[in-house]
PDB file of N, CA and C in Angstrom:
ATOM      1  N   LEU A   1       5.392  -8.529 -37.190  1.00  0.00           N
ATOM      2  CA  LEU A   1       4.986  -6.952 -37.041  1.00  0.00           C
ATOM      3  C   LEU A   1       5.397  -6.764 -35.795  1.00  0.00           C
ATOM      4  N   SER A   2       5.718  -5.559 -35.674  1.00  0.00           N
ATOM      5  CA  SER A   2       6.199  -5.161 -34.317  1.00  0.00           C
ATOM      6  C   SER A   2       4.904  -4.079 -33.858  1.00  0.00           C
ATOM      7  N   PHE A   3       4.367  -4.145 -32.759  1.00  0.00           N
ATOM      8  CA  PHE A   3       3.345  -3.170 -32.370  1.00  0.00           C
ATOM      9  C   PHE A   3       3.820  -2.550 -31.095  1.00  0.00           C
ATOM     10  N   ARG A   4       3.233  -1.415 -30.957  1.00  0.00           N
ATOM     11  CA  ARG A   4       3.375  -0.796 -29.380  1.00  0.00           C
ATOM     12  C   ARG A   4       1.807  -0.376 -29.061  1.00  0.00           C
ATOM     13  N   ARG A   5       1.391  -0.774 -28.124  1.00  0.00           N
ATOM     14  CA  ARG A   5       0.211  -0.330 -27.755  1.00  0.00           C
ATOM     15  C   ARG A   5       0.099   0.936 -26.752  1.00  0.00           C
ATOM     16  N   GLU A   6      -0.903   2.149 -26.994  1.00  0.00           N
ATOM     17  CA  GLU A   6      -0.616   3.169 -26.128  1.00  0.00           C
ATOM     18  C   GLU A   6      -1.982   3.449 -25.699  1.00  0.00           C
ATOM     19  N   LEU A   7      -1.627   3.840 -23.976  1.00  0.00           N
ATOM     20  CA  LEU A   7      -2.848   3.826 -23.090  1.00  0.00           C
ATOM     21  C   LEU A   7      -2.611   5.420 -22.740  1.00  0.00           C
ATOM     22  N   PRO A   8      -3.326   6.300 -23.367  1.00  0.00           N
ATOM     23  CA  PRO A   8      -3.062   7.648 -22.857  1.00  0.00           C
ATOM     24  C   PRO A   8      -3.239   8.071 -21.545  1.00  0.00           C
ATOM     25  N   ASP A   9      -4.287   7.475 -21.028  1.00  0.00           N
ATOM     26  CA  ASP A   9      -4.856   7.780 -19.416  1.00  0.00           C
ATOM     27  C   ASP A   9      -4.226   6.905 -18.543  1.00  0.00           C
ATOM     28  N   GLY A  10      -3.149   6.047 -18.825  1.00  0.00           N
ATOM     29  CA  GLY A  10      -2.658   5.111 -17.930  1.00  0.00           C
ATOM     30  C   GLY A  10      -3.674   3.999 -17.307  1.00  0.00           C
ATOM     31  N   GLY A  11      -4.402   3.669 -18.225  1.00  0.00           N
ATOM     32  CA  GLY A  11      -5.756   2.513 -18.282  1.00  0.00           C
ATOM     33  C   GLY A  11      -4.979   1.124 -17.583  1.00  0.00           C
ATOM     34  N   ALA A  12      -5.829   0.298 -17.575  1.00  0.00           N
ATOM     35  CA  ALA A  12      -5.480  -1.153 -17.299  1.00  0.00           C
ATOM     36  C   ALA A  12      -4.370  -1.719 -18.261  1.00  0.00           C
ATOM     37  N   ARG A  13      -3.427  -2.637 -18.040  1.00  0.00           N
ATOM     38  CA  ARG A  13      -2.341  -3.198 -18.907  1.00  0.00           C
ATOM     39  C   ARG A  13      -3.090  -4.584 -18.778  1.00  0.00           C
ATOM     40  N   PRO A  14      -3.040  -4.988 -19.969  1.00  0.00           N
ATOM     41  CA  PRO A  14      -3.507  -6.514 -20.241  1.00  0.00           C
ATOM     42  C   PRO A  14      -2.392  -7.435 -20.236  1.00  0.00           C
ATOM     43  N   ASN A  15      -2.469  -8.331 -19.563  1.00  0.00           N
ATOM     44  CA  ASN A  15      -1.382  -9.531 -19.490  1.00  0.00           C
ATOM     45  C   ASN A  15      -1.534 -10.212 -21.149  1.00  0.00           C
ATOM     46  N   ALA A  16      -0.673 -11.114 -21.346  1.00  0.00           N
ATOM     47  CA  ALA A  16      -0.238 -11.859 -22.628  1.00  0.00           C
ATOM     48  C   ALA A  16      -1.607 -12.359 -23.126  1.00  0.00           C
ATOM     49  N   ALA A  17      -2.195 -13.111 -22.245  1.00  0.00           N
ATOM     50  CA  ALA A  17      -3.452 -13.861 -22.875  1.00  0.00           C
ATOM     51  C   ALA A  17      -4.658 -12.716 -23.097  1.00  0.00           C
ATOM     52  N   GLN A  18      -4.645 -11.879 -22.369  1.00  0.00           N
ATOM     53  CA  GLN A  18      -5.744 -10.417 -22.416  1.00  0.00           C
ATOM     54  C   GLN A  18      -5.384  -9.883 -23.801  1.00  0.00           C
ATOM     55  N   PHE A  19      -4.142  -9.569 -23.990  1.00  0.00           N
ATOM     56  CA  PHE A  19      -3.671  -9.011 -25.355  1.00  0.00           C
ATOM     57  C   PHE A  19      -4.057  -9.976 -26.585  1.00  0.00           C
ATOM     58  N   LYS A  20      -3.721 -11.188 -26.627  1.00  0.00           N
ATOM     59  CA  LYS A  20      -4.205 -11.915 -27.742  1.00  0.00           C
ATOM     60  C   LYS A  20      -5.484 -12.077 -27.799  1.00  0.00           C
ATOM     61  N   GLN A  21      -6.333 -11.856 -26.777  1.00  0.00           N
ATOM     62  CA  GLN A  21      -7.741 -11.870 -26.857  1.00  0.00           C
ATOM     63  C   GLN A  21      -8.288 -10.441 -27.481  1.00  0.00           C
ATOM     64  N   LEU A  22      -7.380  -9.606 -27.130  1.00  0.00           N
ATOM     65  CA  LEU A  22      -7.825  -8.416 -27.558  1.00  0.00           C
ATOM     66  C   LEU A  22      -7.458  -8.084 -29.145  1.00  0.00           C
ATOM     67  N   VAL A  23      -6.335  -8.844 -29.589  1.00  0.00           N
ATOM     68  CA  VAL A  23      -6.044  -8.849 -30.940  1.00  0.00           C
ATOM     69  C   VAL A  23      -7.438  -9.531 -31.811  1.00  0.00           C
ATOM     70  N   VAL A  24      -7.497 -10.595 -31.535  1.00  0.00           N
ATOM     71  CA  VAL A  24      -9.056 -11.536 -31.988  1.00  0.00           C
ATOM     72  C   VAL A  24      -9.909 -10.469 -31.927  1.00  0.00           C
ATOM     73  N   THR A  25     -10.113  -9.978 -31.042  1.00  0.00           N
ATOM     74  CA  THR A  25     -11.432  -9.214 -30.864  1.00  0.00           C
ATOM     75  C   THR A  25     -11.684  -8.192 -32.174  1.00  0.00           C
ATOM     76  N   ALA A  26     -10.148  -7.304 -31.896  1.00  0.00           N
ATOM     77  CA  ALA A  26     -10.176  -6.401 -33.216  1.00  0.00           C
ATOM     78  C   ALA A  26     -10.361  -7.076 -34.432  1.00  0.00           C
ATOM     79  N   LEU A  27      -9.759  -8.315 -34.786  1.00  0.00           N
ATOM     80  CA  LEU A  27     -10.173  -8.704 -35.964  1.00  0.00           C
ATOM     81  C   LEU A  27     -11.402  -9.068 -36.499  1.00  0.00           C
ATOM     82  N   ARG A  28     -12.178  -9.474 -35.340  1.00  0.00           N
ATOM     83  CA  ARG A  28     -13.865  -9.896 -35.205  1.00  0.00           C
ATOM     84  C   ARG A  28     -14.443  -8.511 -35.558  1.00  0.00           C
ATOM     85  N   GLU A  29     -14.177  -7.528 -34.905  1.00  0.00           N
ATOM     86  CA  GLU A  29     -14.881  -6.323 -34.851  1.00  0.00           C
ATOM     87  C   GLU A  29     -14.824  -5.848 -36.406  1.00  0.00           C
ATOM     88  N   LEU A  30     -13.730  -5.973 -37.169  1.00  0.00           N
ATOM     89  CA  LEU A  30     -13.437  -5.052 -38.594  1.00  0.00           C
ATOM     90  C   LEU A  30     -13.706  -6.121 -39.584  1.00  0.00           C
ATOM     91  N   HIS A  31     -13.410  -7.196 -39.240  1.00  0.00           N
ATOM     92  CA  HIS A  31     -13.610  -8.457 -40.564  1.00  0.00           C
ATOM     93  C   HIS A  31     -14.222  -9.614 -40.323  1.00  0.00           C
ATOM     94  N   GLY A  32     -15.038  -9.507 -39.215  1.00  0.00           N
ATOM     95  CA  GLY A  32     -15.994 -10.821 -38.757  1.00  0.00           C
ATOM     96  C   GLY A  32     -15.357 -11.927 -38.593  1.00  0.00           C
ATOM     97  N   GLU A  33     -16.036 -13.112 -38.692  1.00  0.00           N
ATOM     98  CA  GLU A  33     -15.705 -14.177 -38.293  1.00  0.00           C
ATOM     99  C   GLU A  33     -14.294 -14.947 -39.091  1.00  0.00           C
ATOM    100  N   VAL A  34     -14.520 -14.466 -40.111  1.00  0.00           N
ATOM    101  CA  VAL A  34     -13.315 -14.644 -40.946  1.00  0.00           C
ATOM    102  C   VAL A  34     -12.317 -14.051 -40.422  1.00  0.00           C
ATOM    103  N   GLY A  35     -12.120 -12.842 -40.163  1.00  0.00           N
ATOM    104  CA  GLY A  35     -10.900 -12.429 -39.542  1.00  0.00           C
ATOM    105  C   GLY A  35     -10.746 -12.619 -38.088  1.00  0.00           C
ATOM    106  N   ALA A  36     -11.506 -13.188 -37.014  1.00  0.00           N
ATOM    107  CA  ALA A  36     -11.158 -13.778 -35.925  1.00  0.00           C
ATOM    108  C   ALA A  36     -10.583 -15.062 -36.275  1.00  0.00           C
ATOM    109  N   ALA A  37     -10.686 -15.470 -37.326  1.00  0.00           N
ATOM    110  CA  ALA A  37     -10.093 -17.068 -37.489  1.00  0.00           C
ATOM    111  C   ALA A  37      -8.524 -17.208 -37.921  1.00  0.00           C
ATOM    112  N   LEU A  38      -8.368 -15.668 -38.461  1.00  0.00           N
ATOM    113  CA  LEU A  38      -6.988 -15.507 -39.178  1.00  0.00           C
ATOM    114  C   LEU A  38      -5.885 -15.935 -38.000  1.00  0.00           C
ATOM    115  N   PRO A  39      -4.735 -16.910 -38.544  1.00  0.00           N
ATOM    116  CA  PRO A  39      -3.933 -17.419 -37.475  1.00  0.00           C
ATOM    117  C   PRO A  39      -3.116 -16.232 -37.036  1.00  0.00           C
ATOM    118  N   VAL A  40      -3.035 -15.612 -35.767  1.00  0.00           N
ATOM    119  CA  VAL A  40      -1.710 -14.794 -35.617  1.00  0.00           C
ATOM    120  C   VAL A  40      -1.670 -15.400 -34.239  1.00  0.00           C
ATOM    121  N   ASP A  41       0.024 -15.156 -34.093  1.00  0.00           N
ATOM    122  CA  ASP A  41       0.445 -15.646 -33.031  1.00  0.00           C
ATOM    123  C   ASP A  41       1.486 -14.378 -32.208  1.00  0.00           C
ATOM    124  N   VAL A  42       1.086 -14.369 -31.053  1.00  0.00           N
ATOM    125  CA  VAL A  42       1.796 -13.026 -30.121  1.00  0.00           C
ATOM    126  C   VAL A  42       3.318 -14.047 -29.993  1.00  0.00           C
ATOM    127  N   LEU A  43       4.250 -13.723 -30.467  1.00  0.00           N
ATOM    128  CA  LEU A  43       5.499 -14.106 -30.103  1.00  0.00           C
ATOM    129  C   LEU A  43       6.172 -13.519 -28.778  1.00  0.00           C
ATOM    130  N   THR A  44       6.263 -12.205 -28.787  1.00  0.00           N
ATOM    131  CA  THR A  44       6.645 -11.687 -27.481  1.00  0.00           C
ATOM    132  C   THR A  44       5.448 -10.578 -26.914  1.00  0.00           C
ATOM    133  N   TYR A  45       5.450 -10.469 -25.849  1.00  0.00           N
ATOM    134  CA  TYR A  45       4.861  -9.471 -25.431  1.00  0.00           C
ATOM    135  C   TYR A  45       5.564  -8.800 -23.991  1.00  0.00           C
ATOM    136  N   GLU A  46       5.826  -7.367 -23.896  1.00  0.00           N
ATOM    137  CA  GLU A  46       6.022  -6.790 -22.923  1.00  0.00           C
ATOM    138  C   GLU A  46       5.143  -6.086 -22.223  1.00  0.00           C
ATOM    139  N   GLU A  47       4.673  -6.487 -20.885  1.00  0.00           N
ATOM    140  CA  GLU A  47       3.323  -5.970 -20.179  1.00  0.00           C
ATOM    141  C   GLU A  47       3.819  -4.125 -19.890  1.00  0.00           C
ATOM    142  N   LYS A  48       5.148  -4.242 -19.582  1.00  0.00           N
ATOM    143  CA  LYS A  48       5.504  -3.046 -18.989  1.00  0.00           C
ATOM    144  C   LYS A  48       5.463  -1.812 -19.951  1.00  0.00           C
ATOM    145  N   THR A  49       5.969  -2.198 -21.391  1.00  0.00           N
ATOM    146  CA  THR A  49       5.949  -1.205 -22.385  1.00  0.00           C
ATOM    147  C   THR A  49       4.894  -1.276 -23.200  1.00  0.00           C
ATOM    148  N   LEU A  50       3.873  -2.501 -23.148  1.00  0.00           N
ATOM    149  CA  LEU A  50       2.820  -2.714 -23.879  1.00  0.00           C
ATOM    150  C   LEU A  50       3.043  -2.953 -25.538  1.00  0.00           C
ATOM    151  N   SER A  51       4.369  -3.501 -25.561  1.00  0.00           N
ATOM    152  CA  SER A  51       4.997  -3.525 -26.731  1.00  0.00           C
ATOM    153  C   SER A  51       4.805  -5.361 -27.212  1.00  0.00           C
ATOM    154  N   ALA A  52       4.692  -5.678 -28.590  1.00  0.00           N
ATOM    155  CA  ALA A  52       4.472  -6.918 -28.853  1.00  0.00           C
ATOM    156  C   ALA A  52       5.178  -7.220 -30.313  1.00  0.00           C
ATOM    157  N   ILE A  53       5.576  -8.405 -30.437  1.00  0.00           N
ATOM    158  CA  ILE A  53       5.931  -8.985 -31.831  1.00  0.00           C
ATOM    159  C   ILE A  53       5.019 -10.060 -32.015  1.00  0.00           C
ATOM    160  N   LEU A  54       4.197  -9.685 -33.422  1.00  0.00           N
ATOM    161  CA  LEU A  54       3.132 -10.649 -33.530  1.00  0.00           C
ATOM    162  C   LEU A  54       3.614 -11.573 -34.966  1.00  0.00           C
ATOM    163  N   ARG A  55       3.131 -12.666 -35.296  1.00  0.00           N
ATOM    164  CA  ARG A  55       3.572 -13.540 -36.237  1.00  0.00           C
ATOM    165  C   ARG A  55       2.064 -13.634 -37.338  1.00  0.00           C
ATOM    166  N   VAL A  56       2.111 -13.339 -38.358  1.00  0.00           N
ATOM    167  CA  VAL A  56       0.851 -13.299 -39.309  1.00  0.00           C
ATOM    168  C   VAL A  56       1.116 -14.060 -40.572  1.00  0.00           C
ATOM    169  N   ILE A  57       0.384 -14.575 -41.415  1.00  0.00           N
ATOM    170  CA  ILE A  57       0.735 -15.374 -42.613  1.00  0.00           C
ATOM    171  C   ILE A  57       0.762 -13.698 -43.551  1.00  0.00           C
ATOM    172  N   SER A  58       1.557 -13.642 -44.578  1.00  0.00           N
ATOM    173  CA  SER A  58       1.673 -12.468 -45.256  1.00  0.00           C
ATOM    174  C   SER A  58       0.267 -11.744 -45.998  1.00  0.00           C
ATOM    175  N   SER A  59      -0.545 -13.139 -46.304  1.00  0.00           N
ATOM    176  CA  SER A  59      -1.891 -12.779 -46.739  1.00  0.00           C
ATOM    177  C   SER A  59      -2.808 -12.065 -45.834  1.00  0.00           C
ATOM    178  N   GLY A  60      -2.666 -12.096 -44.419  1.00  0.00           N
ATOM    179  CA  GLY A  60      -3.506 -11.590 -43.570  1.00  0.00           C
ATOM    180  C   GLY A  60      -2.938 -10.264 -42.714  1.00  0.00           C
ATOM    181  N   LEU A  61      -1.922 -10.195 -43.195  1.00  0.00           N
ATOM    182  CA  LEU A  61      -0.740  -8.652 -42.546  1.00  0.00           C
ATOM    183  C   LEU A  61      -2.020  -7.406 -42.756  1.00  0.00           C
ATOM    184  N   VAL A  62      -2.423  -7.221 -43.987  1.00  0.00           N
ATOM    185  CA  VAL A  62      -3.631  -5.992 -43.867  1.00  0.00           C
ATOM    186  C   VAL A  62      -4.715  -6.112 -42.893  1.00  0.00           C
ATOM    187  N   LYS A  63      -5.312  -7.181 -42.885  1.00  0.00           N
ATOM    188  CA  LYS A  63      -6.269  -7.589 -41.825  1.00  0.00           C
ATOM    189  C   LYS A  63      -5.672  -7.254 -40.533  1.00  0.00           C
ATOM    190  N   LEU A  64      -4.805  -7.770 -40.073  1.00  0.00           N
ATOM    191  CA  LEU A  64      -4.361  -7.590 -38.858  1.00  0.00           C
ATOM    192  C   LEU A  64      -3.955  -6.001 -38.678  1.00  0.00           C
ATOM    193  N   TRP A  65      -3.100  -5.467 -39.659  1.00  0.00           N
ATOM    194  CA  TRP A  65      -2.946  -3.922 -39.206  1.00  0.00           C
ATOM    195  C   TRP A  65      -3.864  -3.180 -39.111  1.00  0.00           C
ATOM    196  N   SER A  66      -4.828  -3.504 -40.061  1.00  0.00           N
ATOM    197  CA  SER A  66      -5.961  -2.400 -40.319  1.00  0.00           C
ATOM    198  C   SER A  66      -6.729  -2.436 -38.780  1.00  0.00           C
ATOM    199  N   ALA A  67      -7.075  -3.883 -38.479  1.00  0.00           N
ATOM    200  CA  ALA A  67      -7.844  -4.232 -37.342  1.00  0.00           C
ATOM    201  C   ALA A  67      -7.485  -3.596 -36.088  1.00  0.00           C
ATOM    202  N   LEU A  68      -5.942  -3.430 -36.111  1.00  0.00           N
ATOM    203  CA  LEU A  68      -5.374  -3.061 -34.697  1.00  0.00           C
ATOM    204  C   LEU A  68      -5.308  -1.238 -34.788  1.00  0.00           C
ATOM    205  N   THR A  69      -4.745  -0.867 -35.995  1.00  0.00           N
ATOM    206  CA  THR A  69      -4.718   0.390 -36.053  1.00  0.00           C
ATOM    207  C   THR A  69      -6.170   1.329 -36.004  1.00  0.00           C
ATOM    208  N   LEU A  70      -7.045   0.611 -36.356  1.00  0.00           N
ATOM    209  CA  LEU A  70      -8.716   1.101 -36.149  1.00  0.00           C
ATOM    210  C   LEU A  70      -8.901   0.932 -34.831  1.00  0.00           C
ATOM    211  N   LEU A  71      -8.555   0.139 -34.076  1.00  0.00           N
ATOM    212  CA  LEU A  71      -9.117  -0.265 -32.708  1.00  0.00           C
ATOM    213  C   LEU A  71      -8.849   1.187 -31.945  1.00  0.00           C
ATOM    214  N   GLY A  72      -9.766   1.704 -31.413  1.00  0.00           N
ATOM    215  CA  GLY A  72      -9.768   3.004 -30.654  1.00  0.00           C
ATOM    216  C   GLY A  72     -10.103   3.065 -29.135  1.00  0.00           C
ATOM    217  N   PHE A  73     -10.468   1.561 -28.614  1.00  0.00           N
ATOM    218  CA  PHE A  73     -10.809   1.617 -26.927  1.00  0.00           C
ATOM    219  C   PHE A  73     -10.551   0.354 -26.495  1.00  0.00           C
ATOM    220  N   TYR A  74     -10.159   0.196 -25.279  1.00  0.00           N
ATOM    221  CA  TYR A  74      -9.886  -0.813 -24.486  1.00  0.00           C
ATOM    222  C   TYR A  74     -10.523  -0.905 -23.209  1.00  0.00           C
ATOM    223  N   GLN A  75     -11.396  -1.750 -22.812  1.00  0.00           N
ATOM    224  CA  GLN A  75     -12.001  -1.636 -21.556  1.00  0.00           C
ATOM    225  C   GLN A  75     -12.484   0.239 -21.290  1.00  0.00           C
ATOM    226  N   ASN A  76     -13.290   0.336 -22.245  1.00  0.00           N
ATOM    227  CA  ASN A  76     -13.942   1.610 -22.247  1.00  0.00           C
ATOM    228  C   ASN A  76     -12.861   3.079 -22.258  1.00  0.00           C
ATOM    229  N   ARG A  77     -11.888   2.608 -22.402  1.00  0.00           N
ATOM    230  CA  ARG A  77     -10.945   3.717 -22.372  1.00  0.00           C
ATOM    231  C   ARG A  77     -10.050   3.715 -23.709  1.00  0.00           C
ATOM    232  N   ARG A  78      -9.724   4.953 -24.186  1.00  0.00           N
ATOM    233  CA  ARG A  78      -8.984   5.324 -25.552  1.00  0.00           C
ATOM    234  C   ARG A  78      -7.823   4.605 -25.487  1.00  0.00           C
ATOM    235  N   CYS A  79      -7.567   4.143 -26.471  1.00  0.00           N
ATOM    236  CA  CYS A  79      -6.276   3.414 -26.947  1.00  0.00           C
ATOM    237  C   CYS A  79      -5.826   3.502 -28.192  1.00  0.00           C
ATOM    238  N   ALA A  80      -4.427   3.278 -28.714  1.00  0.00           N
ATOM    239  CA  ALA A  80      -4.163   2.993 -30.037  1.00  0.00           C
ATOM    240  C   ALA A  80      -2.846   2.262 -30.321  1.00  0.00           C
ATOM    241  N   PHE A  81      -2.914   1.500 -31.119  1.00  0.00           N
ATOM    242  CA  PHE A  81      -1.960   0.697 -31.677  1.00  0.00           C
ATOM    243  C   PHE A  81      -0.875   1.462 -32.569  1.00  0.00           C
ATOM    244  N   ARG A  82       0.286   1.311 -32.531  1.00  0.00           N
ATOM    245  CA  ARG A  82       1.179   2.171 -33.501  1.00  0.00           C
ATOM    246  C   ARG A  82       2.038   0.771 -34.101  1.00  0.00           C
ATOM    247  N   VAL A  83       2.506   0.693 -35.338  1.00  0.00           N
ATOM    248  CA  VAL A  83       3.148  -0.204 -35.954  1.00  0.00           C
ATOM    249  C   VAL A  83       4.773   0.301 -35.997  1.00  0.00           C
ATOM    250  N   LEU A  84       5.500  -0.608 -35.285  1.00  0.00           N
ATOM    251  CA  LEU A  84       7.036   0.095 -35.232  1.00  0.00           C
ATOM    252  C   LEU A  84       7.773  -0.638 -36.351  1.00  0.00           C
ATOM    253  N   GLN A  85       7.478  -1.937 -36.856  1.00  0.00           N
ATOM    254  CA  GLN A  85       8.151  -2.444 -38.059  1.00  0.00           C
ATOM    255  C   GLN A  85       7.472  -3.306 -38.641  1.00  0.00           C
ATOM    256  N   VAL A  86       7.671  -3.785 -39.807  1.00  0.00           N
ATOM    257  CA  VAL A  86       7.082  -4.838 -40.513  1.00  0.00           C
ATOM    258  C   VAL A  86       8.247  -5.624 -41.136  1.00  0.00           C
ATOM    259  N   LYS A  87       8.417  -6.861 -40.780  1.00  0.00           N
ATOM    260  CA  LYS A  87       9.724  -7.543 -41.173  1.00  0.00           C
ATOM    261  C   LYS A  87       9.229  -9.326 -41.844  1.00  0.00           C
ATOM    262  N   PRO A  88       9.492  -9.101 -42.792  1.00  0.00           N
ATOM    263  CA  PRO A  88       9.393 -10.892 -43.364  1.00  0.00           C
ATOM    264  C   PRO A  88      10.486 -11.735 -42.724  1.00  0.00           C
ATOM    265  N   THR A  89       9.993 -12.728 -42.330  1.00  0.00           N
ATOM    266  CA  THR A  89      10.800 -13.637 -41.438  1.00  0.00           C
ATOM    267  C   THR A  89      10.895 -15.384 -42.140  1.00  0.00           C
ATOM    268  N   SER A  90      11.998 -15.824 -42.108  1.00  0.00           N
ATOM    269  CA  SER A  90      12.302 -17.281 -42.781  1.00  0.00           C
ATOM    270  C   SER A  90      11.213 -17.970 -41.794  1.00  0.00           C
ATOM    271  N   PRO A  91      10.469 -18.992 -42.761  1.00  0.00           N
ATOM    272  CA  PRO A  91       9.654 -19.968 -42.120  1.00  0.00           C
ATOM    273  C   PRO A  91      10.349 -20.734 -41.026  1.00  0.00           C
ATOM    274  N   PHE A  92      11.625 -21.088 -41.446  1.00  0.00           N
ATOM    275  CA  PHE A  92      12.425 -21.961 -40.654  1.00  0.00           C
ATOM    276  C   PHE A  92      12.519 -21.388 -39.383  1.00  0.00           C
ATOM    277  N   LEU A  93      12.979 -20.181 -39.283  1.00  0.00           N
ATOM    278  CA  LEU A  93      13.150 -19.240 -38.072  1.00  0.00           C
ATOM    279  C   LEU A  93      11.764 -19.304 -37.041  1.00  0.00           C
ATOM    280  N   LEU A  94      10.790 -18.950 -37.972  1.00  0.00           N
ATOM    281  CA  LEU A  94       9.440 -18.704 -37.064  1.00  0.00           C
ATOM    282  C   LEU A  94       9.067 -20.174 -36.361  1.00  0.00           C
ATOM    283  N   ALA A  95       9.651 -21.188 -37.121  1.00  0.00           N
ATOM    284  CA  ALA A  95       9.205 -22.554 -36.249  1.00  0.00           C
ATOM    285  C   ALA A  95       9.702 -22.697 -35.090  1.00  0.00           C
ATOM    286  N   LEU A  96      11.007 -22.136 -34.650  1.00  0.00           N
ATOM    287  CA  LEU A  96      11.619 -21.964 -33.237  1.00  0.00           C
ATOM    288  C   LEU A  96      11.202 -21.353 -32.172  1.00  0.00           C
ATOM    289  N   SER A  97      10.251 -20.410 -32.741  1.00  0.00           N
ATOM    290  CA  SER A  97       9.526 -19.077 -31.896  1.00  0.00           C
ATOM    291  C   SER A  97       8.345 -19.706 -30.929  1.00  0.00           C
ATOM    292  N   GLY A  98       7.810 -19.350 -30.041  1.00  0.00           N
ATOM    293  CA  GLY A  98       6.630 -19.768 -29.202  1.00  0.00           C
ATOM    294  C   GLY A  98       5.389 -19.200 -29.879  1.00  0.00           C
ATOM    295  N   ASN A  99       4.246 -20.070 -29.441  1.00  0.00           N
ATOM    296  CA  ASN A  99       3.021 -20.129 -30.194  1.00  0.00           C
ATOM    297  C   ASN A  99       2.103 -19.563 -28.953  1.00  0.00           C
ATOM    298  N   SER A 100       1.361 -18.499 -29.189  1.00  0.00           N
ATOM    299  CA  SER A 100       0.325 -18.013 -28.517  1.00  0.00           C
ATOM    300  C   SER A 100      -0.886 -18.864 -28.665  1.00  0.00           C
ATOM    301  N   ARG A 101      -1.299 -19.371 -29.462  1.00  0.00           N
ATOM    302  CA  ARG A 101      -2.254 -20.463 -29.644  1.00  0.00           C
ATOM    303  C   ARG A 101      -2.437 -21.487 -28.087  1.00  0.00           C
ATOM    304  N   GLU A 102      -1.273 -21.495 -27.404  1.00  0.00           N
ATOM    305  CA  GLU A 102      -1.007 -22.271 -26.417  1.00  0.00           C
ATOM    306  C   GLU A 102      -1.584 -21.531 -25.170  1.00  0.00           C
ATOM    307  N   LEU A 103      -1.663 -20.163 -25.077  1.00  0.00           N
ATOM    308  CA  LEU A 103      -1.913 -19.474 -23.930  1.00  0.00           C
ATOM    309  C   LEU A 103      -3.399 -19.613 -23.539  1.00  0.00           C
ATOM    310  N   VAL A 104      -3.864 -19.723 -22.246  1.00  0.00           N
ATOM    311  CA  VAL A 104      -4.990 -20.246 -21.616  1.00  0.00           C
ATOM    312  C   VAL A 104      -5.508 -18.849 -21.228  1.00  0.00           C
ATOM    313  N   LEU A 105      -6.830 -18.564 -21.484  1.00  0.00           N
ATOM    314  CA  LEU A 105      -7.700 -17.532 -21.461  1.00  0.00           C
ATOM    315  C   LEU A 105      -8.701 -17.879 -19.946  1.00  0.00           C
ATOM    316  N   ASP A 106      -8.227 -16.761 -19.047  1.00  0.00           N
ATOM    317  CA  ASP A 106      -9.287 -17.119 -17.527  1.00  0.00           C
ATOM    318  C   ASP A 106     -10.643 -16.787 -18.086  1.00  0.00           C
TER     319      ASP A 106
END
């Protein structure tokens, strides 16, 4: 999934670890602990443009998409996620990409 996050009032820009936590929080808020346990990887994240490429198993796509598009606030400021592209990829290629599960949260 390719996502772009929008902060209309120029609010705080999360770093990669904060963005990953935001994704988990959005899943937890909409789908509970089962949603928060969904394996989602942030393959790329561009803090300047607030764009990310996320990897999720196909059975979790709807949960992830709904959780992010229904999230309306970040740090008490309005925000929105926009899906730019959904692209199935080869599991062989995905094995070569990074793994956001290794990100360390402060």
